[in-house]
């Protein structure tokens, strides 16, 4: 299956990405190195004081610690690299 990505050429979606999407996971980009990461939402979400679902993970490529929120409007994962 070929999928268009914003601002880039077409890319081939891997079978790993397809199976992750079938489980409700999504592929996100590391803001530090641009690596594709499979992100799956927690069954027990952490909600911050503003009511946003938060997430933490480490990049499998550059090992940067990442944190973010899940946009309640469209379920987009918004990540930032943590210092240190």
N, C-alpha and C. Protein backbone atom coordinates (compact mmCIF):
# COMPACT_ATOMS: atom_id res chain seq x y z
N UNK A 1 0.85 -1.17 0.00
CA UNK A 1 0.00 0.00 0.00
C UNK A 1 0.90 1.23 0.00
N UNK A 2 0.58 2.21 -0.81
CA UNK A 2 1.35 3.44 -0.88
C UNK A 2 0.55 4.54 -0.22
N UNK A 3 1.21 5.33 0.59
CA UNK A 3 0.53 6.38 1.34
C UNK A 3 1.29 7.70 1.15
N UNK A 4 0.58 8.78 0.95
CA UNK A 4 1.21 10.09 0.78
C UNK A 4 1.45 10.71 2.15
N UNK A 5 2.61 11.33 2.31
CA UNK A 5 2.93 12.05 3.54
C UNK A 5 3.06 13.52 3.20
N UNK A 6 2.60 14.38 4.08
CA UNK A 6 2.66 15.82 3.85
C UNK A 6 4.10 16.26 3.67
N UNK A 7 4.35 17.02 2.61
CA UNK A 7 5.66 17.60 2.38
C UNK A 7 6.73 16.62 1.95
N UNK A 8 6.36 15.43 1.49
CA UNK A 8 7.39 14.48 1.06
C UNK A 8 6.86 13.66 -0.11
N UNK A 9 7.74 12.85 -0.65
CA UNK A 9 7.35 11.96 -1.74
C UNK A 9 6.53 10.81 -1.17
N UNK A 10 6.00 9.99 -2.06
CA UNK A 10 5.27 8.81 -1.60
C UNK A 10 6.23 7.85 -0.92
N UNK A 11 5.70 7.10 0.03
CA UNK A 11 6.53 6.10 0.70
C UNK A 11 5.75 4.80 0.80
N UNK A 12 6.45 3.72 0.94
CA UNK A 12 5.85 2.41 1.08
C UNK A 12 5.57 2.16 2.55
N UNK A 13 4.34 1.82 2.87
CA UNK A 13 3.97 1.50 4.24
C UNK A 13 4.38 0.06 4.53
N UNK A 14 5.08 -0.17 5.63
CA UNK A 14 5.55 -1.52 5.95
C UNK A 14 4.44 -2.33 6.58
N UNK A 15 4.61 -3.64 6.57
CA UNK A 15 3.61 -4.52 7.18
C UNK A 15 3.56 -4.29 8.69
N UNK A 16 4.69 -3.91 9.30
CA UNK A 16 4.71 -3.61 10.74
C UNK A 16 3.81 -2.41 11.04
N UNK A 17 3.86 -1.38 10.18
CA UNK A 17 3.02 -0.20 10.37
C UNK A 17 1.55 -0.55 10.17
N UNK A 18 1.25 -1.37 9.17
CA UNK A 18 -0.14 -1.76 8.94
C UNK A 18 -0.69 -2.53 10.13
N UNK A 19 0.07 -3.48 10.69
CA UNK A 19 -0.43 -4.25 11.83
C UNK A 19 -0.56 -3.37 13.06
N UNK A 20 0.31 -2.38 13.22
CA UNK A 20 0.21 -1.46 14.35
C UNK A 20 -1.05 -0.62 14.23
N UNK A 21 -1.36 -0.16 13.02
CA UNK A 21 -2.56 0.65 12.82
C UNK A 21 -3.82 -0.18 13.05
N UNK A 22 -3.77 -1.46 12.73
CA UNK A 22 -4.91 -2.33 12.95
C UNK A 22 -5.21 -2.48 14.44
N UNK A 23 -4.20 -2.37 15.30
CA UNK A 23 -4.39 -2.47 16.75
C UNK A 23 -4.74 -1.13 17.37
N UNK A 24 -4.91 -0.10 16.59
CA UNK A 24 -5.22 1.21 17.13
C UNK A 24 -3.98 2.04 17.41
N UNK A 25 -2.84 1.58 16.99
CA UNK A 25 -1.59 2.33 17.15
C UNK A 25 -1.40 3.23 15.94
N UNK A 26 -0.45 4.14 16.05
CA UNK A 26 -0.14 5.00 14.92
C UNK A 26 1.37 5.18 14.83
N UNK A 27 1.80 5.64 13.68
CA UNK A 27 3.22 5.90 13.46
C UNK A 27 3.44 7.39 13.64
N UNK A 28 4.38 7.76 14.52
CA UNK A 28 4.72 9.16 14.78
C UNK A 28 6.18 9.38 14.44
N UNK A 29 6.55 10.64 14.25
CA UNK A 29 7.94 10.98 13.96
C UNK A 29 8.62 11.50 15.20
N UNK A 30 9.86 11.07 15.42
CA UNK A 30 10.68 11.61 16.50
C UNK A 30 11.02 13.05 16.15
N UNK A 31 10.73 14.02 17.03
CA UNK A 31 11.07 15.41 16.72
C UNK A 31 12.58 15.67 16.74
N UNK A 32 13.34 14.77 17.32
CA UNK A 32 14.80 14.93 17.41
C UNK A 32 15.51 14.46 16.14
N UNK A 33 15.19 13.23 15.67
CA UNK A 33 15.92 12.65 14.54
C UNK A 33 15.05 12.31 13.34
N UNK A 34 13.73 12.39 13.49
CA UNK A 34 12.83 12.09 12.37
C UNK A 34 12.50 10.62 12.18
N UNK A 35 12.94 9.76 13.09
CA UNK A 35 12.66 8.32 12.97
C UNK A 35 11.17 8.05 13.10
N UNK A 36 10.69 7.04 12.39
CA UNK A 36 9.30 6.61 12.50
C UNK A 36 9.17 5.70 13.72
N UNK A 37 8.25 6.04 14.62
CA UNK A 37 8.04 5.26 15.84
C UNK A 37 6.60 4.78 15.88
N UNK A 38 6.40 3.55 16.30
CA UNK A 38 5.05 3.03 16.47
C UNK A 38 4.59 3.43 17.88
N UNK A 39 3.49 4.16 17.95
CA UNK A 39 2.95 4.64 19.22
C UNK A 39 1.59 4.01 19.44
N UNK A 40 1.41 3.41 20.61
CA UNK A 40 0.13 2.81 20.97
C UNK A 40 -0.34 3.44 22.26
N UNK A 41 -1.56 3.93 22.26
CA UNK A 41 -2.10 4.59 23.45
C UNK A 41 -2.24 3.62 24.61
N UNK A 42 -2.07 4.15 25.81
CA UNK A 42 -2.17 3.36 27.03
C UNK A 42 -3.62 2.98 27.30
N UNK A 43 -3.80 1.82 27.90
CA UNK A 43 -5.15 1.41 28.31
C UNK A 43 -5.59 2.17 29.56
N UNK A 44 -4.61 2.71 30.30
CA UNK A 44 -4.89 3.53 31.48
C UNK A 44 -4.24 4.89 31.27
N UNK A 45 -4.91 5.79 30.56
CA UNK A 45 -4.30 7.07 30.19
C UNK A 45 -3.99 7.96 31.39
N UNK A 46 -2.91 8.74 31.26
CA UNK A 46 -2.53 9.74 32.24
C UNK A 46 -3.12 11.07 31.76
N UNK A 47 -3.91 11.72 32.60
CA UNK A 47 -4.54 12.99 32.24
C UNK A 47 -3.90 14.09 33.07
N UNK A 48 -3.44 15.17 32.40
CA UNK A 48 -2.81 16.28 33.14
C UNK A 48 -3.87 17.23 33.69
N UNK A 49 -3.42 18.26 34.39
CA UNK A 49 -4.34 19.19 35.05
C UNK A 49 -5.20 19.99 34.07
N UNK A 50 -4.80 20.06 32.82
CA UNK A 50 -5.58 20.76 31.79
C UNK A 50 -6.57 19.83 31.09
N UNK A 51 -6.55 18.55 31.44
CA UNK A 51 -7.47 17.60 30.83
C UNK A 51 -6.94 16.90 29.59
N UNK A 52 -5.64 17.07 29.29
CA UNK A 52 -5.05 16.42 28.13
C UNK A 52 -4.46 15.07 28.52
N UNK A 53 -4.60 14.10 27.63
CA UNK A 53 -3.95 12.81 27.82
C UNK A 53 -2.47 12.98 27.47
N UNK A 54 -1.60 12.61 28.39
CA UNK A 54 -0.16 12.77 28.19
C UNK A 54 0.49 11.43 27.87
N UNK A 55 1.67 11.49 27.26
CA UNK A 55 2.40 10.27 26.93
C UNK A 55 3.90 10.53 27.05
N UNK A 56 4.65 9.46 27.30
CA UNK A 56 6.11 9.51 27.36
C UNK A 56 6.64 8.27 26.66
N UNK A 57 7.72 8.45 25.90
CA UNK A 57 8.38 7.33 25.26
C UNK A 57 9.80 7.74 24.91
N UNK A 58 10.62 6.77 24.57
CA UNK A 58 11.99 7.01 24.13
C UNK A 58 12.09 6.62 22.67
N UNK A 59 12.83 7.42 21.92
CA UNK A 59 13.06 7.12 20.51
C UNK A 59 13.93 5.86 20.41
N UNK A 60 13.54 4.96 19.55
CA UNK A 60 14.31 3.72 19.37
C UNK A 60 15.58 3.95 18.56
N UNK A 61 15.68 5.08 17.85
CA UNK A 61 16.86 5.37 17.03
C UNK A 61 17.89 6.22 17.78
N UNK A 62 17.47 7.41 18.23
CA UNK A 62 18.43 8.33 18.88
C UNK A 62 18.35 8.28 20.40
N UNK A 63 17.41 7.51 20.94
CA UNK A 63 17.21 7.32 22.37
C UNK A 63 16.83 8.60 23.11
N UNK A 64 16.34 9.60 22.40
CA UNK A 64 15.89 10.84 23.03
C UNK A 64 14.63 10.56 23.85
N UNK A 65 14.56 11.11 25.07
CA UNK A 65 13.31 10.98 25.83
C UNK A 65 12.28 11.94 25.24
N UNK A 66 11.08 11.44 25.00
CA UNK A 66 10.02 12.22 24.36
C UNK A 66 8.80 12.28 25.28
N UNK A 67 8.12 13.40 25.24
CA UNK A 67 6.88 13.57 26.00
C UNK A 67 5.92 14.34 25.12
N UNK A 68 4.64 14.15 25.38
CA UNK A 68 3.68 14.87 24.58
C UNK A 68 2.27 14.71 25.09
N UNK A 69 1.35 15.24 24.30
CA UNK A 69 -0.06 15.15 24.59
C UNK A 69 -0.77 14.58 23.37
N UNK A 70 -1.97 14.09 23.61
CA UNK A 70 -2.82 13.61 22.52
C UNK A 70 -3.95 14.61 22.37
N UNK A 71 -4.02 15.20 21.19
CA UNK A 71 -5.03 16.22 20.90
C UNK A 71 -6.42 15.59 20.98
N UNK A 72 -7.28 16.08 21.87
CA UNK A 72 -8.61 15.46 22.00
C UNK A 72 -9.50 15.70 20.79
N UNK A 73 -9.18 16.70 19.98
CA UNK A 73 -10.01 17.01 18.81
C UNK A 73 -9.85 15.97 17.71
N UNK A 74 -8.58 15.60 17.41
CA UNK A 74 -8.36 14.67 16.30
C UNK A 74 -7.47 13.48 16.67
N UNK A 75 -7.14 13.30 17.96
CA UNK A 75 -6.30 12.20 18.45
C UNK A 75 -4.88 12.24 17.91
N UNK A 76 -4.42 13.39 17.42
CA UNK A 76 -3.05 13.52 16.95
C UNK A 76 -2.10 13.50 18.14
N UNK A 77 -0.97 12.82 17.98
CA UNK A 77 0.06 12.76 19.02
C UNK A 77 1.04 13.91 18.77
N UNK A 78 1.16 14.82 19.74
CA UNK A 78 2.02 15.98 19.63
C UNK A 78 3.21 15.77 20.56
N UNK A 79 4.40 15.50 19.99
CA UNK A 79 5.58 15.14 20.78
C UNK A 79 6.63 16.25 20.80
N UNK A 80 7.38 16.29 21.91
CA UNK A 80 8.54 17.16 22.04
C UNK A 80 9.66 16.34 22.66
N UNK A 81 10.90 16.66 22.29
CA UNK A 81 12.06 16.01 22.91
C UNK A 81 12.32 16.70 24.26
N UNK A 82 12.55 15.90 25.29
CA UNK A 82 12.88 16.44 26.60
C UNK A 82 14.37 16.75 26.69
N UNK A 83 14.74 17.77 27.43
CA UNK A 83 16.17 18.05 27.59
C UNK A 83 16.86 16.96 28.38
N UNK A 84 18.12 16.77 28.05
CA UNK A 84 18.96 15.90 28.84
C UNK A 84 19.17 14.56 28.41
